[in-house]
Amino acid sequence: MFKAVLSDSNILKTSFDAISSIVDEVQMQADSEGLRLDALDRSHITFVHLELKPQLFDEFTIDEPLKINVDTEELMKVLKRAKSSDIVELSVDEGNLILIFEGDARRRFKIRLIDIEYEAPSPPDLEYPTEFEIPFSLLKNSIQDIEIVSDKIALMVDEDKFTAEAEGEFGDAKIEYLHGEKIDAKSKSIFSLEKIKEMLKADKFSDAIVLKLGNDMPLNLSLKMATDEGELSFLLAPRIESEE
């Protein structure tokens, strides 16, 4: 038996809004440690990790470990129908993922589980020279600013500032933020703007973002709940470009 009840539907909606933009199919693993998934997009550019611990849920019951293979687009279609005030119940029955939304009415959805050959990917073990926290809203606004001039973004950090900038054919943009953290290295990498936008669809998961940067290294972007009951993190390959 598996049953998970969550009073904040936004956690699932916001997570899978981002995840469904990145990967078509996922395998969620449910066991006594909670729900989690690891996935890699088809182009091997973005890795995503989601972990929701049992204490996040109002109720979490599981008899034995379970693998739940779902089409993320189909799951997101259903999750979009959840209202913010709805209580969400997840269960699995006869090859289906059952979602029940309890609010003004009781609404029940059934999503067919899919057969996929799946081996959970593992992220590379990387040592980063810098790690710092910024407000979620700051990075989201920076992306919107940069989008005016370019489809790629340079992210930099030094002892004082976090900087996002881009140069386009018709102009350029630069955003600077005094991070106030102890950083004794300089790092810079260039990334696809569209790929970071996909991650930032998870705008209700956390108010803060932890970034890890290195020179021409993947971007490690992590959203962690203040209560440490859940984490949504991404690893994005850099765009390596020759200096012109």
C-alpha atoms as a PDB file:
ATOM      1  CA  MET A   1       0.000   0.000   0.000  1.00  0.00           C
ATOM      2  CA  PHE A   2       1.152   3.524  -0.823  1.00  0.00           C
ATOM      3  CA  LYS A   3      -0.608   6.707   0.207  1.00  0.00           C
ATOM      4  CA  ALA A   4       0.765  10.248   0.432  1.00  0.00           C
ATOM      5  CA  VAL A   5      -1.348  13.239   1.482  1.00  0.00           C
ATOM      6  CA  LEU A   6      -0.095  16.788   0.994  1.00  0.00           C
ATOM      7  CA  SER A   7      -1.957  19.917   2.123  1.00  0.00           C
ATOM      8  CA  ASP A   8       0.077  22.262  -0.116  1.00  0.00           C
ATOM      9  CA  SER A   9      -0.693  21.381  -3.730  1.00  0.00           C
ATOM     10  CA  ASN A  10       1.714  24.079  -4.950  1.00  0.00           C
ATOM     11  CA  ILE A  11       4.698  21.931  -3.992  1.00  0.00           C
ATOM     12  CA  LEU A  12       3.800  19.263  -6.555  1.00  0.00           C
ATOM     13  CA  LYS A  13       2.465  21.716  -9.143  1.00  0.00           C
ATOM     14  CA  THR A  14       5.531  23.935  -9.117  1.00  0.00           C
ATOM     15  CA  SER A  15       7.989  21.007  -9.066  1.00  0.00           C
ATOM     16  CA  PHE A  16       6.461  19.234 -12.019  1.00  0.00           C
ATOM     17  CA  ASP A  17       5.921  22.446 -13.960  1.00  0.00           C
ATOM     18  CA  ALA A  18       9.711  22.659 -14.099  1.00  0.00           C
ATOM     19  CA  ILE A  19      10.364  18.918 -14.415  1.00  0.00           C
ATOM     20  CA  SER A  20       7.868  18.424 -17.266  1.00  0.00           C
ATOM     21  CA  SER A  21       9.642  21.196 -19.214  1.00  0.00           C
ATOM     22  CA  ILE A  22      12.896  19.265 -18.967  1.00  0.00           C
ATOM     23  CA  VAL A  23      12.049  15.550 -19.202  1.00  0.00           C
ATOM     24  CA  ASP A  24       9.192  13.618 -20.856  1.00  0.00           C
ATOM     25  CA  GLU A  25       9.202  10.566 -18.608  1.00  0.00           C
ATOM     26  CA  VAL A  26      10.355   9.983 -15.041  1.00  0.00           C
ATOM     27  CA  GLN A  27      10.579   7.225 -12.521  1.00  0.00           C
ATOM     28  CA  MET A  28       9.561   8.332  -9.055  1.00  0.00           C
ATOM     29  CA  GLN A  29      10.825   6.124  -6.278  1.00  0.00           C
ATOM     30  CA  ALA A  30       8.748   5.871  -3.139  1.00  0.00           C
ATOM     31  CA  ASP A  31      10.018   4.230   0.032  1.00  0.00           C
ATOM     32  CA  SER A  32      10.285   4.878   3.763  1.00  0.00           C
ATOM     33  CA  GLU A  33      12.541   7.879   3.036  1.00  0.00           C
ATOM     34  CA  GLY A  34       9.914   9.630   0.926  1.00  0.00           C
ATOM     35  CA  LEU A  35       9.466  10.390  -2.769  1.00  0.00           C
ATOM     36  CA  ARG A  36      12.382  11.162  -5.060  1.00  0.00           C
ATOM     37  CA  LEU A  37      13.414  11.181  -8.679  1.00  0.00           C
ATOM     38  CA  ASP A  38      16.563  11.695 -10.734  1.00  0.00           C
ATOM     39  CA  ALA A  39      16.266  12.431 -14.435  1.00  0.00           C
ATOM     40  CA  LEU A  40      18.321  13.631 -17.392  1.00  0.00           C
ATOM     41  CA  ASP A  41      16.926  15.367 -20.447  1.00  0.00           C
ATOM     42  CA  ARG A  42      17.309  13.800 -23.892  1.00  0.00           C
ATOM     43  CA  SER A  43      20.129  16.140 -24.894  1.00  0.00           C
ATOM     44  CA  HIS A  44      22.029  15.381 -21.658  1.00  0.00           C
ATOM     45  CA  ILE A  45      22.219  19.093 -20.852  1.00  0.00           C
ATOM     46  CA  THR A  46      20.046  19.251 -17.727  1.00  0.00           C
ATOM     47  CA  PHE A  47      19.932  16.885 -14.746  1.00  0.00           C
ATOM     48  CA  VAL A  48      17.091  17.204 -12.242  1.00  0.00           C
ATOM     49  CA  HIS A  49      16.697  15.845  -8.713  1.00  0.00           C
ATOM     50  CA  LEU A  50      13.565  16.009  -6.572  1.00  0.00           C
ATOM     51  CA  GLU A  51      13.303  14.785  -3.007  1.00  0.00           C
ATOM     52  CA  LEU A  52      10.238  15.065  -0.787  1.00  0.00           C
ATOM     53  CA  LYS A  53      10.697  13.632   2.702  1.00  0.00           C
ATOM     54  CA  PRO A  54       7.929  11.822   4.632  1.00  0.00           C
ATOM     55  CA  GLN A  55       7.645  14.604   7.223  1.00  0.00           C
ATOM     56  CA  LEU A  56       6.619  17.054   4.459  1.00  0.00           C
ATOM     57  CA  PHE A  57       3.400  15.099   3.995  1.00  0.00           C
ATOM     58  CA  ASP A  58       0.363  15.205   6.266  1.00  0.00           C
ATOM     59  CA  GLU A  59       0.237  11.440   5.849  1.00  0.00           C
ATOM     60  CA  PHE A  60       2.798   9.125   4.269  1.00  0.00           C
ATOM     61  CA  THR A  61       2.229   5.366   4.290  1.00  0.00           C
ATOM     62  CA  ILE A  62       4.163   2.779   2.298  1.00  0.00           C
ATOM     63  CA  ASP A  63       4.480  -0.975   2.797  1.00  0.00           C
ATOM     64  CA  GLU A  64       7.312  -1.664   0.346  1.00  0.00           C
ATOM     65  CA  PRO A  65       9.490   0.336  -2.061  1.00  0.00           C
ATOM     66  CA  LEU A  66       7.684   1.360  -5.210  1.00  0.00           C
ATOM     67  CA  LYS A  67       8.704   2.628  -8.647  1.00  0.00           C
ATOM     68  CA  ILE A  68       6.196   4.960 -10.279  1.00  0.00           C
ATOM     69  CA  ASN A  69       6.839   5.548 -13.997  1.00  0.00           C
ATOM     70  CA  VAL A  70       4.892   8.500 -15.372  1.00  0.00           C
ATOM     71  CA  ASP A  71       4.620  10.707 -18.420  1.00  0.00           C
ATOM     72  CA  THR A  72       5.400  14.142 -16.966  1.00  0.00           C
ATOM     73  CA  GLU A  73       3.163  16.019 -19.415  1.00  0.00           C
ATOM     74  CA  GLU A  74       0.149  13.868 -18.499  1.00  0.00           C
ATOM     75  CA  LEU A  75       0.883  14.307 -14.787  1.00  0.00           C
ATOM     76  CA  MET A  76       1.211  18.072 -15.197  1.00  0.00           C
ATOM     77  CA  LYS A  77      -2.138  18.281 -17.016  1.00  0.00           C
ATOM     78  CA  VAL A  78      -3.777  16.845 -13.901  1.00  0.00           C
ATOM     79  CA  LEU A  79      -1.735  18.848 -11.374  1.00  0.00           C
ATOM     80  CA  LYS A  80      -2.713  22.076 -13.137  1.00  0.00           C
ATOM     81  CA  ARG A  81      -6.291  21.337 -12.117  1.00  0.00           C
ATOM     82  CA  ALA A  82      -5.387  21.426  -8.418  1.00  0.00           C
ATOM     83  CA  LYS A  83      -6.402  24.591  -6.591  1.00  0.00           C
ATOM     84  CA  SER A  84      -4.011  26.154  -4.099  1.00  0.00           C
ATOM     85  CA  SER A  85      -6.382  25.308  -1.266  1.00  0.00           C
ATOM     86  CA  ASP A  86      -6.805  21.657  -2.309  1.00  0.00           C
ATOM     87  CA  ILE A  87      -5.397  18.761  -0.316  1.00  0.00           C
ATOM     88  CA  VAL A  88      -3.689  16.296  -2.683  1.00  0.00           C
ATOM     89  CA  GLU A  89      -3.693  12.554  -2.122  1.00  0.00           C
ATOM     90  CA  LEU A  90      -1.424  10.235  -4.132  1.00  0.00           C
ATOM     91  CA  SER A  91      -1.776   6.469  -4.352  1.00  0.00           C
ATOM     92  CA  VAL A  92      -1.086   3.653  -6.826  1.00  0.00           C
ATOM     93  CA  ASP A  93      -3.665   1.082  -7.873  1.00  0.00           C
ATOM     94  CA  GLU A  94      -3.506  -1.582 -10.613  1.00  0.00           C
ATOM     95  CA  GLY A  95      -1.000   0.169 -12.853  1.00  0.00           C
ATOM     96  CA  ASN A  96      -2.373   3.642 -12.289  1.00  0.00           C
ATOM     97  CA  LEU A  97      -1.295   6.689 -10.327  1.00  0.00           C
ATOM     98  CA  ILE A  98      -4.368   7.996  -8.500  1.00  0.00           C
ATOM     99  CA  LEU A  99      -4.604  11.678  -7.610  1.00  0.00           C
ATOM    100  CA  ILE A 100      -7.415  12.971  -5.442  1.00  0.00           C
ATOM    101  CA  PHE A 101      -7.975  16.689  -4.878  1.00  0.00           C
ATOM    102  CA  GLU A 102     -10.022  17.499  -1.779  1.00  0.00           C
ATOM    103  CA  GLY A 103     -11.458  21.012  -1.651  1.00  0.00           C
ATOM    104  CA  ASP A 104     -14.890  22.375  -2.436  1.00  0.00           C
ATOM    105  CA  ALA A 105     -15.436  19.035  -4.145  1.00  0.00           C
ATOM    106  CA  ARG A 106     -13.629  15.687  -4.206  1.00  0.00           C
ATOM    107  CA  ARG A 107     -12.013  15.190  -7.611  1.00  0.00           C
ATOM    108  CA  ARG A 108     -10.316  11.924  -8.593  1.00  0.00           C
ATOM    109  CA  PHE A 109      -7.930  11.416 -11.511  1.00  0.00           C
ATOM    110  CA  LYS A 110      -6.280   8.266 -12.801  1.00  0.00           C
ATOM    111  CA  ILE A 111      -3.038   8.378 -14.796  1.00  0.00           C
ATOM    112  CA  ARG A 112      -1.787   5.234 -16.508  1.00  0.00           C
ATOM    113  CA  LEU A 113       1.697   4.224 -15.438  1.00  0.00           C
ATOM    114  CA  ILE A 114       4.068   3.644 -18.348  1.00  0.00           C
ATOM    115  CA  ASP A 115       6.621   0.955 -19.122  1.00  0.00           C
ATOM    116  CA  ILE A 116      10.064   2.471 -19.464  1.00  0.00           C
ATOM    117  CA  GLU A 117      13.529   1.018 -19.407  1.00  0.00           C
ATOM    118  CA  TYR A 118      14.942   3.196 -16.687  1.00  0.00           C
ATOM    119  CA  GLU A 119      18.222   3.425 -14.923  1.00  0.00           C
ATOM    120  CA  ALA A 120      18.331   6.434 -12.634  1.00  0.00           C
ATOM    121  CA  PRO A 121      21.180   8.724 -13.733  1.00  0.00           C
ATOM    122  CA  SER A 122      23.761   9.909 -11.242  1.00  0.00           C
ATOM    123  CA  PRO A 123      25.077  13.472 -11.313  1.00  0.00           C
ATOM    124  CA  PRO A 124      28.840  13.927 -11.652  1.00  0.00           C
ATOM    125  CA  ASP A 125      30.673  14.470  -8.386  1.00  0.00           C
ATOM    126  CA  LEU A 126      32.002  18.004  -8.810  1.00  0.00           C
ATOM    127  CA  GLU A 127      34.019  20.234  -6.496  1.00  0.00           C
ATOM    128  CA  TYR A 128      32.901  23.846  -6.835  1.00  0.00           C
ATOM    129  CA  PRO A 129      35.086  26.819  -5.882  1.00  0.00           C
ATOM    130  CA  THR A 130      32.049  28.957  -5.002  1.00  0.00           C
ATOM    131  CA  GLU A 131      28.681  28.453  -3.342  1.00  0.00           C
ATOM    132  CA  PHE A 132      26.245  31.226  -2.386  1.00  0.00           C
ATOM    133  CA  GLU A 133      22.585  32.012  -1.851  1.00  0.00           C
ATOM    134  CA  ILE A 134      20.469  34.571  -3.706  1.00  0.00           C
ATOM    135  CA  PRO A 135      16.743  35.409  -3.617  1.00  0.00           C
ATOM    136  CA  PHE A 136      14.672  33.432  -6.121  1.00  0.00           C
ATOM    137  CA  SER A 137      13.064  36.651  -7.348  1.00  0.00           C
ATOM    138  CA  LEU A 138      16.470  38.160  -8.125  1.00  0.00           C
ATOM    139  CA  LEU A 139      17.461  35.392 -10.529  1.00  0.00           C
ATOM    140  CA  LYS A 140      14.015  35.310 -12.117  1.00  0.00           C
ATOM    141  CA  ASN A 141      14.085  39.079 -12.727  1.00  0.00           C
ATOM    142  CA  SER A 142      17.656  38.844 -14.032  1.00  0.00           C
ATOM    143  CA  ILE A 143      16.572  36.236 -16.575  1.00  0.00           C
ATOM    144  CA  GLN A 144      13.748  38.508 -17.735  1.00  0.00           C
ATOM    145  CA  ASP A 145      16.187  41.432 -18.045  1.00  0.00           C
ATOM    146  CA  ILE A 146      18.761  39.423 -19.997  1.00  0.00           C
ATOM    147  CA  GLU A 147      16.102  37.934 -22.269  1.00  0.00           C
ATOM    148  CA  ILE A 148      15.616  41.364 -23.822  1.00  0.00           C
ATOM    149  CA  VAL A 149      19.080  41.255 -25.411  1.00  0.00           C
ATOM    150  CA  SER A 150      20.224  37.618 -25.713  1.00  0.00           C
ATOM    151  CA  ASP A 151      19.363  33.917 -25.520  1.00  0.00           C
ATOM    152  CA  LYS A 152      22.408  33.144 -23.380  1.00  0.00           C
ATOM    153  CA  ILE A 153      23.494  34.416 -19.995  1.00  0.00           C
ATOM    154  CA  ALA A 154      26.867  34.773 -18.296  1.00  0.00           C
ATOM    155  CA  LEU A 155      26.778  34.149 -14.547  1.00  0.00           C
ATOM    156  CA  MET A 156      29.713  35.383 -12.492  1.00  0.00           C
ATOM    157  CA  VAL A 157      30.614  35.632  -8.838  1.00  0.00           C
ATOM    158  CA  ASP A 158      33.570  37.153  -7.018  1.00  0.00           C
ATOM    159  CA  GLU A 159      34.361  38.259  -3.471  1.00  0.00           C
ATOM    160  CA  ASP A 160      31.695  40.978  -3.509  1.00  0.00           C
ATOM    161  CA  LYS A 161      29.131  40.538  -6.267  1.00  0.00           C
ATOM    162  CA  PHE A 162      27.009  38.078  -8.151  1.00  0.00           C
ATOM    163  CA  THR A 163      26.667  39.286 -11.743  1.00  0.00           C
ATOM    164  CA  ALA A 164      24.383  38.229 -14.577  1.00  0.00           C
ATOM    165  CA  GLU A 165      25.075  39.754 -17.963  1.00  0.00           C
ATOM    166  CA  ALA A 166      24.750  39.291 -21.698  1.00  0.00           C
ATOM    167  CA  GLU A 167      25.682  41.027 -24.901  1.00  0.00           C
ATOM    168  CA  GLY A 168      23.310  40.955 -27.848  1.00  0.00           C
ATOM    169  CA  GLU A 169      23.344  42.201 -31.390  1.00  0.00           C
ATOM    170  CA  PHE A 170      21.418  45.339 -30.474  1.00  0.00           C
ATOM    171  CA  GLY A 171      22.393  45.910 -26.858  1.00  0.00           C
ATOM    172  CA  ASP A 172      23.544  44.427 -23.594  1.00  0.00           C
ATOM    173  CA  ALA A 173      22.347  44.027 -20.016  1.00  0.00           C
ATOM    174  CA  LYS A 174      24.084  43.631 -16.667  1.00  0.00           C
ATOM    175  CA  ILE A 175      22.669  42.922 -13.206  1.00  0.00           C
ATOM    176  CA  GLU A 176      24.847  43.099 -10.076  1.00  0.00           C
ATOM    177  CA  TYR A 177      23.952  41.868  -6.604  1.00  0.00           C
ATOM    178  CA  LEU A 178      26.027  42.245  -3.439  1.00  0.00           C
ATOM    179  CA  HIS A 179      25.812  38.741  -2.012  1.00  0.00           C
ATOM    180  CA  GLY A 180      27.388  39.418   1.398  1.00  0.00           C
ATOM    181  CA  GLU A 181      28.914  35.945   1.627  1.00  0.00           C
ATOM    182  CA  LYS A 182      32.470  34.789   2.198  1.00  0.00           C
ATOM    183  CA  ILE A 183      33.766  33.933  -1.263  1.00  0.00           C
ATOM    184  CA  ASP A 184      37.453  33.991  -2.101  1.00  0.00           C
ATOM    185  CA  ALA A 185      37.377  32.890  -5.746  1.00  0.00           C
ATOM    186  CA  LYS A 186      36.100  34.198  -9.058  1.00  0.00           C
ATOM    187  CA  SER A 187      33.935  32.020 -11.282  1.00  0.00           C
ATOM    188  CA  LYS A 188      32.216  32.539 -14.612  1.00  0.00           C
ATOM    189  CA  SER A 189      30.188  30.325 -16.940  1.00  0.00           C
ATOM    190  CA  ILE A 190      27.780  30.920 -19.821  1.00  0.00           C
ATOM    191  CA  PHE A 191      24.443  29.129 -20.017  1.00  0.00           C
ATOM    192  CA  SER A 192      21.354  28.801 -22.175  1.00  0.00           C
ATOM    193  CA  LEU A 193      18.766  31.295 -20.974  1.00  0.00           C
ATOM    194  CA  GLU A 194      15.891  29.017 -21.974  1.00  0.00           C
ATOM    195  CA  LYS A 195      17.231  26.132 -19.870  1.00  0.00           C
ATOM    196  CA  ILE A 196      17.405  28.277 -16.725  1.00  0.00           C
ATOM    197  CA  LYS A 197      13.887  29.584 -17.420  1.00  0.00           C
ATOM    198  CA  GLU A 198      12.634  25.985 -17.355  1.00  0.00           C
ATOM    199  CA  MET A 199      14.088  25.496 -13.867  1.00  0.00           C
ATOM    200  CA  LEU A 200      12.580  28.724 -12.578  1.00  0.00           C
ATOM    201  CA  LYS A 201       9.040  27.526 -13.259  1.00  0.00           C
ATOM    202  CA  ALA A 202       9.361  26.034  -9.763  1.00  0.00           C
ATOM    203  CA  ASP A 203       8.650  29.453  -8.277  1.00  0.00           C
ATOM    204  CA  LYS A 204       6.605  28.254  -5.280  1.00  0.00           C
ATOM    205  CA  PHE A 205       9.118  25.698  -4.005  1.00  0.00           C
ATOM    206  CA  SER A 206      11.489  28.040  -2.187  1.00  0.00           C
ATOM    207  CA  ASP A 207      12.163  31.759  -1.751  1.00  0.00           C
ATOM    208  CA  ALA A 208      15.919  31.271  -2.037  1.00  0.00           C
ATOM    209  CA  ILE A 209      18.296  29.642  -4.499  1.00  0.00           C
ATOM    210  CA  VAL A 210      21.681  28.145  -3.688  1.00  0.00           C
ATOM    211  CA  LEU A 211      24.045  28.453  -6.640  1.00  0.00           C
ATOM    212  CA  LYS A 212      27.362  26.701  -7.171  1.00  0.00           C
ATOM    213  CA  LEU A 213      29.567  28.129  -9.900  1.00  0.00           C
ATOM    214  CA  GLY A 214      32.967  27.375 -11.386  1.00  0.00           C
ATOM    215  CA  ASN A 215      34.804  28.498 -14.498  1.00  0.00           C
ATOM    216  CA  ASP A 216      33.119  26.795 -17.473  1.00  0.00           C
ATOM    217  CA  MET A 217      31.556  24.303 -15.070  1.00  0.00           C
ATOM    218  CA  PRO A 218      27.927  23.155 -14.940  1.00  0.00           C
ATOM    219  CA  LEU A 219      25.537  25.351 -13.002  1.00  0.00           C
ATOM    220  CA  ASN A 220      24.359  23.725  -9.788  1.00  0.00           C
ATOM    221  CA  LEU A 221      21.046  25.342  -8.853  1.00  0.00           C
ATOM    222  CA  SER A 222      19.248  24.128  -5.754  1.00  0.00           C
ATOM    223  CA  LEU A 223      15.910  25.057  -4.200  1.00  0.00           C
ATOM    224  CA  LYS A 224      15.663  23.927  -0.594  1.00  0.00           C
ATOM    225  CA  MET A 225      12.751  24.313   1.750  1.00  0.00           C
ATOM    226  CA  ALA A 226      13.509  26.231   4.927  1.00  0.00           C
ATOM    227  CA  THR A 227      12.257  23.223   6.881  1.00  0.00           C
ATOM    228  CA  ASP A 228      14.662  20.890   5.009  1.00  0.00           C
ATOM    229  CA  GLU A 229      11.724  18.624   4.140  1.00  0.00           C
ATOM    230  CA  GLY A 230      12.195  18.886   0.388  1.00  0.00           C
ATOM    231  CA  GLU A 231      14.733  19.756  -2.284  1.00  0.00           C
ATOM    232  CA  LEU A 232      14.556  20.413  -6.011  1.00  0.00           C
ATOM    233  CA  SER A 233      17.920  20.786  -7.697  1.00  0.00           C
ATOM    234  CA  PHE A 234      19.287  21.058 -11.215  1.00  0.00           C
ATOM    235  CA  LEU A 235      22.617  20.658 -12.948  1.00  0.00           C
ATOM    236  CA  LEU A 236      22.994  22.521 -16.253  1.00  0.00           C
ATOM    237  CA  ALA A 237      25.883  22.050 -18.675  1.00  0.00           C
ATOM    238  CA  PRO A 238      27.643  25.286 -19.665  1.00  0.00           C
ATOM    239  CA  ARG A 239      27.886  26.715 -23.154  1.00  0.00           C
ATOM    240  CA  ILE A 240      31.559  26.611 -24.019  1.00  0.00           C
ATOM    241  CA  GLU A 241      32.306  29.335 -26.544  1.00  0.00           C
ATOM    242  CA  SER A 242      35.489  30.662 -28.022  1.00  0.00           C
ATOM    243  CA  GLU A 243      36.307  34.279 -27.248  1.00  0.00           C
ATOM    244  CA  GLU A 244      35.708  36.494 -30.233  1.00  0.00           C
END
